[in-house]
Amino acid sequence: MFAVSSTAEARPYPAPGPADAVEQGASPAVQQLKSWVLGTDDNQGLPFVLIDKVNAHVFVYGHDGRLLGDTPVLLGLARGDIAPPGIGDRPLSTITPDERITPSGRYVASLGRNLTEGSVLWIDYAGALSLHPVVTGRPSDRRLERLTTPTSEDNRISYGCVNVPVPFYQQVIATTFRGTVGIVYILPERLPLADVFPGV
C-alpha cells in the first residue's frame, strides 16, 4: 500500500525518474497499460494519467512517460465500468447510488471550469466526468479522511468524478495540463483490461 500523510498531501516528483522505471506500489495492470501506452505511442506525445480504480490511485506522467506524481483518489460510489446513458445531462439529485460510476476508458482531457468546484480537469465534458480537488462541502462524507486511510475500500463516495488532494491538483495536475491537452486512461475494475483497451 502507499504511504500517505495525515493531511493527504500530494507526493510530487520534482526530479522525475526514467520513463521505464517501475512505480512503487503500482499494480501489474498499471505497469502493463503504461508499457502499452509508451510502446504504441498511444498518448501521441502528450502527458497522460492512469487511474487505477481497484486500488483508488492515480499516476500522472509527462509526455515521455516519466512519473510526475501519484496519490490516492476518491471515485464513484458504485462499482462498474460503463456510465449510464445520458448521465451527464441529469441533475445530481436524480442519480441513484447504483448509477454513481466512474467509467473506464481512454479520454482526451483538458483543464476547464465547472459551476461549483472551479478549476477541473475535464475527462469527459459531455458525460460530466472530471478530475478535481477533493470536495469537502458535506462533512458527513469524510472525504479528506477517506483519502488518508490505508485501504482503498472507503474511497468510493463521489457521483463518478475523481477527487484528488488539493495540493496534488495544484502542483501536479494543473501544472502538467496547463496549456495542453492530455490523455486519461481509467482502468476497469470488472471488465478485462483488453476489453477496454484493445491490444493491451
N, C-alpha and C. Protein backbone atom coordinates (compact mmCIF):
# COMPACT_ATOMS: atom_id res chain seq x y z
N MET A 1 0.85 -1.19 0.00
CA MET A 1 0.00 0.00 0.00
C MET A 1 0.88 1.24 0.00
N PHE A 2 0.31 2.36 -0.35
CA PHE A 2 1.08 3.58 -0.47
C PHE A 2 1.16 4.31 0.85
N ALA A 3 2.26 4.97 1.08
CA ALA A 3 2.40 5.80 2.28
C ALA A 3 1.69 7.13 2.02
N VAL A 4 0.79 7.49 2.91
CA VAL A 4 0.00 8.70 2.75
C VAL A 4 0.10 9.51 4.02
N SER A 5 0.33 10.80 3.89
CA SER A 5 0.44 11.64 5.07
C SER A 5 -0.93 11.88 5.67
N SER A 6 -0.97 12.28 6.92
CA SER A 6 -2.24 12.50 7.60
C SER A 6 -3.02 13.67 7.03
N THR A 7 -2.37 14.52 6.26
CA THR A 7 -3.05 15.66 5.65
C THR A 7 -3.35 15.44 4.18
N ALA A 8 -3.14 14.23 3.71
CA ALA A 8 -3.44 13.86 2.32
C ALA A 8 -2.76 14.76 1.32
N GLU A 9 -1.52 15.15 1.61
CA GLU A 9 -0.80 16.00 0.67
C GLU A 9 -0.28 15.18 -0.50
N ALA A 10 -0.05 15.86 -1.60
CA ALA A 10 0.46 15.20 -2.79
C ALA A 10 1.90 14.76 -2.57
N ARG A 11 2.33 13.80 -3.39
CA ARG A 11 3.71 13.38 -3.37
C ARG A 11 4.30 13.62 -4.75
N PRO A 12 4.51 14.90 -5.11
CA PRO A 12 5.02 15.20 -6.45
C PRO A 12 6.46 14.75 -6.60
N TYR A 13 6.88 14.59 -7.84
CA TYR A 13 8.23 14.14 -8.14
C TYR A 13 8.96 15.27 -8.85
N PRO A 14 9.64 16.16 -8.13
CA PRO A 14 10.31 17.29 -8.77
C PRO A 14 11.45 16.85 -9.69
N ALA A 15 12.01 15.66 -9.44
CA ALA A 15 13.06 15.14 -10.31
C ALA A 15 12.60 13.78 -10.84
N PRO A 16 11.82 13.75 -11.93
CA PRO A 16 11.26 12.50 -12.43
C PRO A 16 12.33 11.47 -12.72
N GLY A 17 11.99 10.22 -12.48
CA GLY A 17 12.89 9.12 -12.77
C GLY A 17 12.80 8.71 -14.22
N PRO A 18 13.50 7.67 -14.61
CA PRO A 18 13.47 7.22 -16.01
C PRO A 18 12.08 6.74 -16.41
N ALA A 19 11.78 6.88 -17.70
CA ALA A 19 10.45 6.54 -18.19
C ALA A 19 10.12 5.07 -18.03
N ASP A 20 11.15 4.20 -17.95
CA ASP A 20 10.90 2.78 -17.83
C ASP A 20 10.94 2.31 -16.37
N ALA A 21 10.95 3.26 -15.43
CA ALA A 21 11.00 2.89 -14.02
C ALA A 21 9.71 2.19 -13.61
N VAL A 22 9.81 1.29 -12.64
CA VAL A 22 8.64 0.63 -12.09
C VAL A 22 8.18 1.42 -10.88
N GLU A 23 6.97 1.97 -10.94
CA GLU A 23 6.47 2.80 -9.86
C GLU A 23 6.21 1.96 -8.61
N GLN A 24 6.68 2.43 -7.49
CA GLN A 24 6.49 1.72 -6.24
C GLN A 24 5.00 1.58 -5.94
N GLY A 25 4.55 0.35 -5.72
CA GLY A 25 3.16 0.10 -5.37
C GLY A 25 2.21 0.03 -6.54
N ALA A 26 2.65 0.32 -7.75
CA ALA A 26 1.75 0.26 -8.90
C ALA A 26 1.38 -1.19 -9.20
N SER A 27 0.12 -1.41 -9.50
CA SER A 27 -0.36 -2.76 -9.78
C SER A 27 0.20 -3.26 -11.11
N PRO A 28 0.20 -4.57 -11.32
CA PRO A 28 0.63 -5.10 -12.63
C PRO A 28 -0.19 -4.53 -13.79
N ALA A 29 -1.47 -4.28 -13.56
CA ALA A 29 -2.31 -3.72 -14.62
C ALA A 29 -1.86 -2.32 -15.00
N VAL A 30 -1.48 -1.52 -14.01
CA VAL A 30 -0.97 -0.17 -14.29
C VAL A 30 0.32 -0.25 -15.08
N GLN A 31 1.23 -1.13 -14.66
CA GLN A 31 2.50 -1.28 -15.37
C GLN A 31 2.28 -1.77 -16.80
N GLN A 32 1.34 -2.70 -16.96
CA GLN A 32 1.05 -3.24 -18.29
C GLN A 32 0.49 -2.15 -19.21
N LEU A 33 -0.43 -1.36 -18.69
CA LEU A 33 -1.04 -0.32 -19.51
C LEU A 33 -0.03 0.78 -19.83
N LYS A 34 0.81 1.14 -18.86
CA LYS A 34 1.83 2.15 -19.13
C LYS A 34 2.77 1.68 -20.23
N SER A 35 3.20 0.43 -20.16
CA SER A 35 4.10 -0.11 -21.19
C SER A 35 3.44 -0.08 -22.56
N TRP A 36 2.16 -0.41 -22.61
CA TRP A 36 1.43 -0.40 -23.88
C TRP A 36 1.31 1.03 -24.43
N VAL A 37 0.98 1.98 -23.55
CA VAL A 37 0.85 3.37 -23.98
C VAL A 37 2.14 3.86 -24.61
N LEU A 38 3.26 3.62 -23.94
CA LEU A 38 4.54 4.09 -24.45
C LEU A 38 5.02 3.29 -25.65
N GLY A 39 4.76 1.99 -25.64
CA GLY A 39 5.20 1.14 -26.74
C GLY A 39 4.47 1.40 -28.04
N THR A 40 3.22 1.85 -27.95
CA THR A 40 2.42 2.12 -29.15
C THR A 40 2.29 3.61 -29.44
N ASP A 41 2.87 4.46 -28.57
CA ASP A 41 2.73 5.91 -28.67
C ASP A 41 1.27 6.32 -28.65
N ASP A 42 0.47 5.59 -27.87
CA ASP A 42 -0.96 5.88 -27.82
C ASP A 42 -1.24 7.26 -27.23
N ASN A 43 -0.33 7.76 -26.40
CA ASN A 43 -0.51 9.10 -25.84
C ASN A 43 -0.14 10.21 -26.81
N GLN A 44 0.41 9.85 -27.98
CA GLN A 44 0.71 10.80 -29.06
C GLN A 44 1.57 11.97 -28.58
N GLY A 45 2.54 11.66 -27.72
CA GLY A 45 3.45 12.68 -27.26
C GLY A 45 2.86 13.65 -26.25
N LEU A 46 1.72 13.28 -25.65
CA LEU A 46 1.05 14.14 -24.68
C LEU A 46 1.24 13.58 -23.27
N PRO A 47 1.12 14.43 -22.24
CA PRO A 47 1.12 13.90 -20.88
C PRO A 47 -0.07 12.96 -20.71
N PHE A 48 0.05 12.02 -19.78
CA PHE A 48 -1.06 11.08 -19.61
C PHE A 48 -1.21 10.68 -18.15
N VAL A 49 -2.40 10.19 -17.86
CA VAL A 49 -2.80 9.84 -16.50
C VAL A 49 -3.36 8.43 -16.50
N LEU A 50 -2.94 7.62 -15.53
CA LEU A 50 -3.52 6.29 -15.34
C LEU A 50 -4.26 6.29 -14.01
N ILE A 51 -5.54 5.95 -14.04
CA ILE A 51 -6.34 5.89 -12.83
C ILE A 51 -6.68 4.44 -12.54
N ASP A 52 -6.15 3.94 -11.45
CA ASP A 52 -6.35 2.56 -11.01
C ASP A 52 -7.54 2.54 -10.06
N LYS A 53 -8.71 2.12 -10.56
CA LYS A 53 -9.90 2.14 -9.72
C LYS A 53 -9.85 1.08 -8.62
N VAL A 54 -9.28 -0.06 -8.91
CA VAL A 54 -9.23 -1.13 -7.92
C VAL A 54 -8.49 -0.68 -6.67
N ASN A 55 -7.39 0.03 -6.85
CA ASN A 55 -6.58 0.49 -5.73
C ASN A 55 -6.78 1.96 -5.40
N ALA A 56 -7.73 2.61 -6.10
CA ALA A 56 -8.07 4.02 -5.86
C ALA A 56 -6.81 4.89 -5.84
N HIS A 57 -6.06 4.86 -6.94
CA HIS A 57 -4.81 5.59 -7.02
C HIS A 57 -4.63 6.15 -8.43
N VAL A 58 -4.01 7.31 -8.52
CA VAL A 58 -3.75 7.93 -9.81
C VAL A 58 -2.26 8.14 -9.99
N PHE A 59 -1.78 7.94 -11.23
CA PHE A 59 -0.39 8.15 -11.61
C PHE A 59 -0.39 9.15 -12.77
N VAL A 60 0.41 10.19 -12.66
CA VAL A 60 0.48 11.22 -13.69
C VAL A 60 1.86 11.18 -14.33
N TYR A 61 1.90 11.16 -15.66
CA TYR A 61 3.15 11.03 -16.41
C TYR A 61 3.34 12.19 -17.37
N GLY A 62 4.59 12.54 -17.59
CA GLY A 62 4.91 13.50 -18.63
C GLY A 62 4.77 12.86 -20.00
N HIS A 63 4.96 13.63 -21.02
CA HIS A 63 4.80 13.12 -22.40
C HIS A 63 5.74 11.96 -22.71
N ASP A 64 6.86 11.90 -21.99
CA ASP A 64 7.85 10.85 -22.24
C ASP A 64 7.72 9.66 -21.31
N GLY A 65 6.68 9.65 -20.48
CA GLY A 65 6.45 8.51 -19.60
C GLY A 65 7.11 8.62 -18.24
N ARG A 66 7.72 9.76 -17.95
CA ARG A 66 8.33 9.92 -16.63
C ARG A 66 7.26 10.26 -15.60
N LEU A 67 7.30 9.59 -14.46
CA LEU A 67 6.31 9.81 -13.42
C LEU A 67 6.47 11.19 -12.80
N LEU A 68 5.38 11.97 -12.81
CA LEU A 68 5.39 13.30 -12.23
C LEU A 68 4.78 13.32 -10.84
N GLY A 69 3.94 12.37 -10.52
CA GLY A 69 3.33 12.30 -9.21
C GLY A 69 2.25 11.25 -9.14
N ASP A 70 1.94 10.81 -7.93
CA ASP A 70 0.86 9.84 -7.73
C ASP A 70 0.23 10.09 -6.37
N THR A 71 -1.03 9.70 -6.23
CA THR A 71 -1.75 9.95 -4.99
C THR A 71 -3.01 9.10 -4.93
N PRO A 72 -3.52 8.83 -3.72
CA PRO A 72 -4.84 8.20 -3.61
C PRO A 72 -5.92 9.12 -4.18
N VAL A 73 -7.02 8.52 -4.61
CA VAL A 73 -8.15 9.27 -5.15
C VAL A 73 -9.45 8.76 -4.56
N LEU A 74 -10.50 9.58 -4.70
CA LEU A 74 -11.86 9.15 -4.41
C LEU A 74 -12.56 8.95 -5.73
N LEU A 75 -13.43 7.95 -5.79
CA LEU A 75 -14.09 7.56 -7.03
C LEU A 75 -15.59 7.44 -6.83
N GLY A 76 -16.29 7.10 -7.91
CA GLY A 76 -17.72 6.91 -7.85
C GLY A 76 -18.12 5.83 -6.85
N LEU A 77 -19.24 6.05 -6.17
CA LEU A 77 -19.72 5.14 -5.14
C LEU A 77 -19.94 3.73 -5.67
N ALA A 78 -20.52 3.61 -6.86
CA ALA A 78 -20.87 2.31 -7.42
C ALA A 78 -19.71 1.73 -8.23
N ARG A 79 -19.56 0.43 -8.15
CA ARG A 79 -18.52 -0.24 -8.94
C ARG A 79 -19.09 -0.59 -10.32
N GLY A 80 -18.25 -0.45 -11.32
CA GLY A 80 -18.67 -0.71 -12.69
C GLY A 80 -17.77 0.03 -13.64
N ASP A 81 -17.93 -0.24 -14.93
CA ASP A 81 -17.04 0.35 -15.92
C ASP A 81 -17.75 1.14 -17.01
N ILE A 82 -19.08 1.12 -17.00
CA ILE A 82 -19.84 1.81 -18.04
C ILE A 82 -20.84 2.76 -17.39
N ALA A 83 -20.78 4.01 -17.75
CA ALA A 83 -21.70 5.00 -17.19
C ALA A 83 -23.10 4.82 -17.78
N PRO A 84 -24.13 5.09 -17.01
CA PRO A 84 -25.49 5.03 -17.54
C PRO A 84 -25.66 6.00 -18.70
N PRO A 85 -26.44 5.66 -19.71
CA PRO A 85 -26.65 6.57 -20.84
C PRO A 85 -27.23 7.90 -20.39
N GLY A 86 -26.69 8.99 -20.94
CA GLY A 86 -27.22 10.32 -20.66
C GLY A 86 -26.95 10.85 -19.27
N ILE A 87 -26.04 10.22 -18.55
CA ILE A 87 -25.80 10.61 -17.16
C ILE A 87 -25.33 12.06 -17.04
N GLY A 88 -24.63 12.55 -18.05
CA GLY A 88 -24.11 13.91 -17.99
C GLY A 88 -25.16 14.99 -18.11
N ASP A 89 -26.37 14.62 -18.57
CA ASP A 89 -27.44 15.60 -18.75
C ASP A 89 -28.42 15.61 -17.58
N ARG A 90 -28.17 14.79 -16.58
CA ARG A 90 -29.13 14.67 -15.48
C ARG A 90 -28.69 15.44 -14.24
N PRO A 91 -29.62 16.02 -13.50
CA PRO A 91 -29.28 16.65 -12.22
C PRO A 91 -28.75 15.60 -11.25
N LEU A 92 -27.82 16.00 -10.38
CA LEU A 92 -27.26 15.06 -9.42
C LEU A 92 -28.33 14.43 -8.56
N SER A 93 -29.39 15.17 -8.27
CA SER A 93 -30.44 14.67 -7.38
C SER A 93 -31.19 13.48 -7.96
N THR A 94 -31.08 13.26 -9.28
CA THR A 94 -31.78 12.14 -9.91
C THR A 94 -30.90 10.91 -10.09
N ILE A 95 -29.62 11.03 -9.74
CA ILE A 95 -28.69 9.92 -9.93
C ILE A 95 -28.71 9.02 -8.71
N THR A 96 -29.10 7.77 -8.91
CA THR A 96 -29.22 6.82 -7.81
C THR A 96 -27.84 6.28 -7.42
N PRO A 97 -27.71 5.74 -6.20
CA PRO A 97 -26.40 5.24 -5.76
C PRO A 97 -25.77 4.23 -6.71
N ASP A 98 -26.57 3.36 -7.31
CA ASP A 98 -26.01 2.35 -8.21
C ASP A 98 -25.58 2.91 -9.56
N GLU A 99 -25.91 4.18 -9.81
CA GLU A 99 -25.51 4.83 -11.07
C GLU A 99 -24.27 5.70 -10.89
N ARG A 100 -23.76 5.80 -9.71
CA ARG A 100 -22.62 6.69 -9.43
C ARG A 100 -21.32 5.97 -9.76
N ILE A 101 -21.08 5.83 -11.06
CA ILE A 101 -19.97 5.03 -11.59
C ILE A 101 -18.90 5.94 -12.19
N THR A 102 -17.64 5.59 -11.94
CA THR A 102 -16.52 6.20 -12.66
C THR A 102 -16.23 5.30 -13.86
N PRO A 103 -16.62 5.70 -15.05
CA PRO A 103 -16.48 4.81 -16.21
C PRO A 103 -15.03 4.64 -16.64
N SER A 104 -14.73 3.46 -17.15
CA SER A 104 -13.39 3.17 -17.65
C SER A 104 -13.27 3.62 -19.10
N GLY A 105 -12.03 3.78 -19.56
CA GLY A 105 -11.81 4.12 -20.96
C GLY A 105 -10.67 5.08 -21.16
N ARG A 106 -10.52 5.49 -22.41
CA ARG A 106 -9.48 6.43 -22.83
C ARG A 106 -10.14 7.75 -23.18
N TYR A 107 -9.65 8.84 -22.63
CA TYR A 107 -10.26 10.15 -22.81
C TYR A 107 -9.20 11.20 -23.11
N VAL A 108 -9.55 12.14 -23.99
CA VAL A 108 -8.72 13.32 -24.22
C VAL A 108 -9.19 14.37 -23.23
N ALA A 109 -8.29 14.79 -22.33
CA ALA A 109 -8.67 15.66 -21.22
C ALA A 109 -8.01 17.02 -21.31
N SER A 110 -8.67 18.02 -20.72
CA SER A 110 -8.11 19.37 -20.69
C SER A 110 -8.65 20.12 -19.48
N LEU A 111 -7.89 21.12 -19.05
CA LEU A 111 -8.32 21.93 -17.93
C LEU A 111 -9.51 22.80 -18.32
N GLY A 112 -10.37 23.06 -17.33
CA GLY A 112 -11.53 23.92 -17.55
C GLY A 112 -12.12 24.30 -16.21
N ARG A 113 -13.37 24.73 -16.24
CA ARG A 113 -14.03 25.11 -15.00
C ARG A 113 -15.43 24.51 -14.99
N ASN A 114 -15.94 24.27 -13.77
CA ASN A 114 -17.34 23.89 -13.66
C ASN A 114 -18.06 24.89 -12.77
N LEU A 115 -19.31 24.62 -12.46
CA LEU A 115 -20.12 25.62 -11.77
C LEU A 115 -19.89 25.67 -10.27
N THR A 116 -19.25 24.62 -9.72
CA THR A 116 -19.12 24.57 -8.26
C THR A 116 -17.69 24.46 -7.76
N GLU A 117 -16.89 23.56 -8.36
CA GLU A 117 -15.54 23.32 -7.84
C GLU A 117 -14.48 24.27 -8.41
N GLY A 118 -14.83 25.07 -9.41
CA GLY A 118 -13.83 25.93 -10.02
C GLY A 118 -13.01 25.16 -11.04
N SER A 119 -11.69 25.21 -10.92
CA SER A 119 -10.82 24.54 -11.88
C SER A 119 -10.95 23.02 -11.79
N VAL A 120 -11.11 22.38 -12.94
CA VAL A 120 -11.19 20.92 -13.01
C VAL A 120 -10.44 20.45 -14.25
N LEU A 121 -10.08 19.20 -14.26
CA LEU A 121 -9.58 18.56 -15.47
C LEU A 121 -10.76 17.80 -16.07
N TRP A 122 -11.27 18.31 -17.18
CA TRP A 122 -12.40 17.64 -17.82
C TRP A 122 -11.93 16.37 -18.51
N ILE A 123 -12.40 15.24 -18.03
CA ILE A 123 -12.09 13.95 -18.65
C ILE A 123 -13.08 13.68 -19.77
N ASP A 124 -14.36 13.87 -19.48
CA ASP A 124 -15.43 13.70 -20.48
C ASP A 124 -16.48 14.77 -20.20
N TYR A 125 -16.39 15.87 -20.92
CA TYR A 125 -17.29 17.01 -20.65
C TYR A 125 -18.74 16.62 -20.85
N ALA A 126 -19.04 15.90 -21.93
CA ALA A 126 -20.42 15.52 -22.22
C ALA A 126 -20.98 14.60 -21.15
N GLY A 127 -20.12 13.78 -20.56
CA GLY A 127 -20.55 12.87 -19.51
C GLY A 127 -20.42 13.45 -18.12
N ALA A 128 -20.07 14.75 -18.03
CA ALA A 128 -19.89 15.45 -16.74
C ALA A 128 -18.90 14.71 -15.85
N LEU A 129 -17.85 14.17 -16.44
CA LEU A 129 -16.83 13.43 -15.70
C LEU A 129 -15.56 14.26 -15.64
N SER A 130 -15.10 14.55 -14.44
CA SER A 130 -13.89 15.35 -14.30
C SER A 130 -13.03 14.83 -13.16
N LEU A 131 -11.78 15.30 -13.13
CA LEU A 131 -10.87 15.10 -12.02
C LEU A 131 -10.69 16.47 -11.38
N HIS A 132 -10.92 16.57 -10.08
CA HIS A 132 -10.86 17.88 -9.43
C HIS A 132 -10.41 17.76 -7.98
N PRO A 133 -10.08 18.90 -7.36
CA PRO A 133 -9.70 18.87 -5.95
C PRO A 133 -10.83 18.30 -5.11
N VAL A 134 -10.47 17.62 -4.04
CA VAL A 134 -11.46 16.97 -3.19
C VAL A 134 -12.51 17.97 -2.70
N VAL A 135 -13.76 17.54 -2.74
CA VAL A 135 -14.89 18.36 -2.31
C VAL A 135 -15.18 18.08 -0.84
N THR A 136 -15.28 19.11 -0.03
CA THR A 136 -15.46 18.92 1.41
C THR A 136 -16.73 19.60 1.93
N GLY A 137 -17.67 19.88 1.04
CA GLY A 137 -18.87 20.61 1.43
C GLY A 137 -19.77 19.86 2.40
N ARG A 138 -19.75 18.53 2.34
CA ARG A 138 -20.59 17.74 3.26
C ARG A 138 -19.69 16.99 4.23
N PRO A 139 -19.54 17.48 5.46
CA PRO A 139 -18.65 16.84 6.43
C PRO A 139 -18.93 15.35 6.65
N SER A 140 -20.20 14.96 6.51
CA SER A 140 -20.55 13.56 6.74
C SER A 140 -19.92 12.63 5.72
N ASP A 141 -19.49 13.17 4.58
CA ASP A 141 -18.82 12.32 3.57
C ASP A 141 -17.41 11.91 4.00
N ARG A 142 -16.78 12.69 4.90
CA ARG A 142 -15.44 12.39 5.41
C ARG A 142 -14.43 12.18 4.26
N ARG A 143 -14.49 13.03 3.27
CA ARG A 143 -13.67 12.81 2.08
C ARG A 143 -12.17 12.93 2.36
N LEU A 144 -11.78 13.93 3.13
CA LEU A 144 -10.35 14.06 3.45
C LEU A 144 -9.87 12.85 4.25
N GLU A 145 -10.69 12.40 5.18
CA GLU A 145 -10.32 11.23 5.98
C GLU A 145 -10.20 9.99 5.11
N ARG A 146 -11.09 9.83 4.16
CA ARG A 146 -11.06 8.67 3.27
C ARG A 146 -9.77 8.62 2.46
N LEU A 147 -9.25 9.79 2.10
CA LEU A 147 -8.02 9.84 1.32
C LEU A 147 -6.79 9.40 2.11
N THR A 148 -6.88 9.44 3.43
CA THR A 148 -5.70 9.16 4.25
C THR A 148 -5.70 7.78 4.88
N THR A 149 -6.78 7.02 4.73
CA THR A 149 -6.81 5.69 5.32
C THR A 149 -5.94 4.74 4.52
N PRO A 150 -5.43 3.67 5.15
CA PRO A 150 -4.52 2.76 4.46
C PRO A 150 -5.20 1.77 3.51
N THR A 151 -6.52 1.84 3.37
CA THR A 151 -7.23 0.94 2.49
C THR A 151 -7.95 1.72 1.40
N SER A 152 -8.19 1.08 0.27
CA SER A 152 -8.94 1.73 -0.82
C SER A 152 -10.43 1.43 -0.73
N GLU A 153 -10.83 0.63 0.24
CA GLU A 153 -12.22 0.21 0.34
C GLU A 153 -13.17 1.37 0.64
N ASP A 154 -12.68 2.41 1.32
CA ASP A 154 -13.56 3.52 1.66
C ASP A 154 -13.37 4.72 0.74
N ASN A 155 -12.76 4.50 -0.42
CA ASN A 155 -12.51 5.60 -1.36
C ASN A 155 -13.62 5.76 -2.39
N ARG A 156 -14.73 5.06 -2.18
CA ARG A 156 -15.86 5.16 -3.10
C ARG A 156 -16.93 6.03 -2.46
N ILE A 157 -17.13 7.24 -3.00
CA ILE A 157 -18.06 8.18 -2.39
C ILE A 157 -18.67 9.16 -3.39
N SER A 158 -18.00 9.44 -4.51
CA SER A 158 -18.44 10.52 -5.40
C SER A 158 -19.56 10.07 -6.33
N TYR A 159 -20.04 11.03 -7.11
CA TYR A 159 -21.06 10.73 -8.12
C TYR A 159 -20.43 10.14 -9.38
N GLY A 160 -19.13 10.02 -9.40
CA GLY A 160 -18.42 9.48 -10.55
C GLY A 160 -17.13 10.20 -10.83
N CYS A 161 -17.06 11.46 -10.42
CA CYS A 161 -15.83 12.23 -10.64
C CYS A 161 -14.70 11.71 -9.76
N VAL A 162 -13.49 12.05 -10.17
CA VAL A 162 -12.28 11.64 -9.47
C VAL A 162 -11.82 12.81 -8.60
N ASN A 163 -11.74 12.59 -7.29
CA ASN A 163 -11.29 13.62 -6.34
C ASN A 163 -9.85 13.35 -5.94
N VAL A 164 -9.02 14.38 -5.95
CA VAL A 164 -7.63 14.26 -5.51
C VAL A 164 -7.35 15.31 -4.44
N PRO A 165 -6.30 15.14 -3.62
CA PRO A 165 -5.94 16.17 -2.65
C PRO A 165 -5.66 17.50 -3.34
N VAL A 166 -6.02 18.59 -2.68
CA VAL A 166 -5.85 19.92 -3.26
C VAL A 166 -4.40 20.20 -3.66
N PRO A 167 -3.41 19.91 -2.80
CA PRO A 167 -2.02 20.18 -3.22
C PRO A 167 -1.62 19.40 -4.47
N PHE A 168 -2.10 18.18 -4.59
CA PHE A 168 -1.76 17.37 -5.77
C PHE A 168 -2.36 18.00 -7.03
N TYR A 169 -3.60 18.44 -6.92
CA TYR A 169 -4.23 19.08 -8.08
C TYR A 169 -3.44 20.31 -8.50
N GLN A 170 -3.07 21.13 -7.53
CA GLN A 170 -2.37 22.38 -7.84
C GLN A 170 -0.97 22.15 -8.36
N GLN A 171 -0.23 21.22 -7.73
CA GLN A 171 1.18 21.04 -8.04
C GLN A 171 1.43 20.12 -9.22
N VAL A 172 0.54 19.15 -9.43
CA VAL A 172 0.79 18.15 -10.47
C VAL A 172 -0.19 18.28 -11.63
N ILE A 173 -1.49 18.19 -11.36
CA ILE A 173 -2.48 18.21 -12.44
C ILE A 173 -2.49 19.55 -13.16
N ALA A 174 -2.68 20.63 -12.42
CA ALA A 174 -2.78 21.95 -13.06
C ALA A 174 -1.49 22.31 -13.79
N THR A 175 -0.36 21.95 -13.23
CA THR A 175 0.92 22.24 -13.86
C THR A 175 1.12 21.42 -15.13
N THR A 176 0.82 20.14 -15.06
CA THR A 176 1.04 19.24 -16.19
C THR A 176 0.14 19.56 -17.37
N PHE A 177 -1.12 19.96 -17.09
CA PHE A 177 -2.09 20.16 -18.17
C PHE A 177 -2.25 21.63 -18.57
N ARG A 178 -1.46 22.51 -17.98
CA ARG A 178 -1.57 23.92 -18.34
C ARG A 178 -1.12 24.13 -19.78
N GLY A 179 -2.01 24.65 -20.59
CA GLY A 179 -1.68 24.95 -21.97
C GLY A 179 -1.65 23.77 -22.91
N THR A 180 -2.12 22.61 -22.47
CA THR A 180 -2.10 21.44 -23.33
C THR A 180 -3.24 20.50 -22.98
N VAL A 181 -3.56 19.62 -23.91
CA VAL A 181 -4.46 18.52 -23.59
C VAL A 181 -3.61 17.32 -23.22
N GLY A 182 -4.24 16.29 -22.72
CA GLY A 182 -3.54 15.06 -22.37
C GLY A 182 -4.50 13.90 -22.45
N ILE A 183 -4.00 12.72 -22.16
CA ILE A 183 -4.82 11.52 -22.24
C ILE A 183 -5.02 10.95 -20.84
N VAL A 184 -6.26 10.63 -20.51
CA VAL A 184 -6.58 9.98 -19.24
C VAL A 184 -7.06 8.57 -19.55
N TYR A 185 -6.42 7.60 -18.90
CA TYR A 185 -6.81 6.20 -19.02
C TYR A 185 -7.37 5.76 -17.68
N ILE A 186 -8.63 5.36 -17.66
CA ILE A 186 -9.25 4.85 -16.44
C ILE A 186 -9.36 3.34 -16.56
N LEU A 187 -8.59 2.63 -15.74
CA LEU A 187 -8.55 1.18 -15.82
C LEU A 187 -9.86 0.58 -15.32
N PRO A 188 -10.27 -0.54 -15.91
CA PRO A 188 -11.52 -1.18 -15.49
C PRO A 188 -11.36 -1.91 -14.17
N GLU A 189 -12.50 -2.16 -13.52
CA GLU A 189 -12.48 -2.95 -12.29
C GLU A 189 -13.27 -4.24 -12.43
N ARG A 190 -14.09 -4.34 -13.45
CA ARG A 190 -14.85 -5.57 -13.68
C ARG A 190 -14.55 -6.19 -15.05
N LEU A 191 -14.41 -5.36 -16.05
CA LEU A 191 -14.10 -5.85 -17.39
C LEU A 191 -12.61 -6.20 -17.50
N PRO A 192 -12.26 -7.13 -18.39
CA PRO A 192 -10.84 -7.38 -18.65
C PRO A 192 -10.18 -6.13 -19.23
N LEU A 193 -8.91 -5.94 -18.93
CA LEU A 193 -8.18 -4.77 -19.40
C LEU A 193 -8.25 -4.65 -20.93
N ALA A 194 -8.08 -5.78 -21.63
CA ALA A 194 -8.07 -5.77 -23.09
C ALA A 194 -9.43 -5.44 -23.69
N ASP A 195 -10.51 -5.63 -22.94
CA ASP A 195 -11.84 -5.25 -23.44
C ASP A 195 -12.00 -3.73 -23.50
N VAL A 196 -11.32 -3.03 -22.61
CA VAL A 196 -11.41 -1.57 -22.59
C VAL A 196 -10.33 -0.93 -23.45
N PHE A 197 -9.15 -1.56 -23.46
CA PHE A 197 -8.02 -1.08 -24.25
C PHE A 197 -7.54 -2.20 -25.18
N PRO A 198 -8.18 -2.35 -26.33
CA PRO A 198 -7.83 -3.45 -27.24
C PRO A 198 -6.37 -3.41 -27.63
N GLY A 199 -5.74 -4.55 -27.61
CA GLY A 199 -4.32 -4.65 -27.97
C GLY A 199 -3.39 -4.70 -26.79
N VAL A 200 -3.90 -4.38 -25.60
CA VAL A 200 -3.06 -4.41 -24.41
C VAL A 200 -2.78 -5.87 -24.03
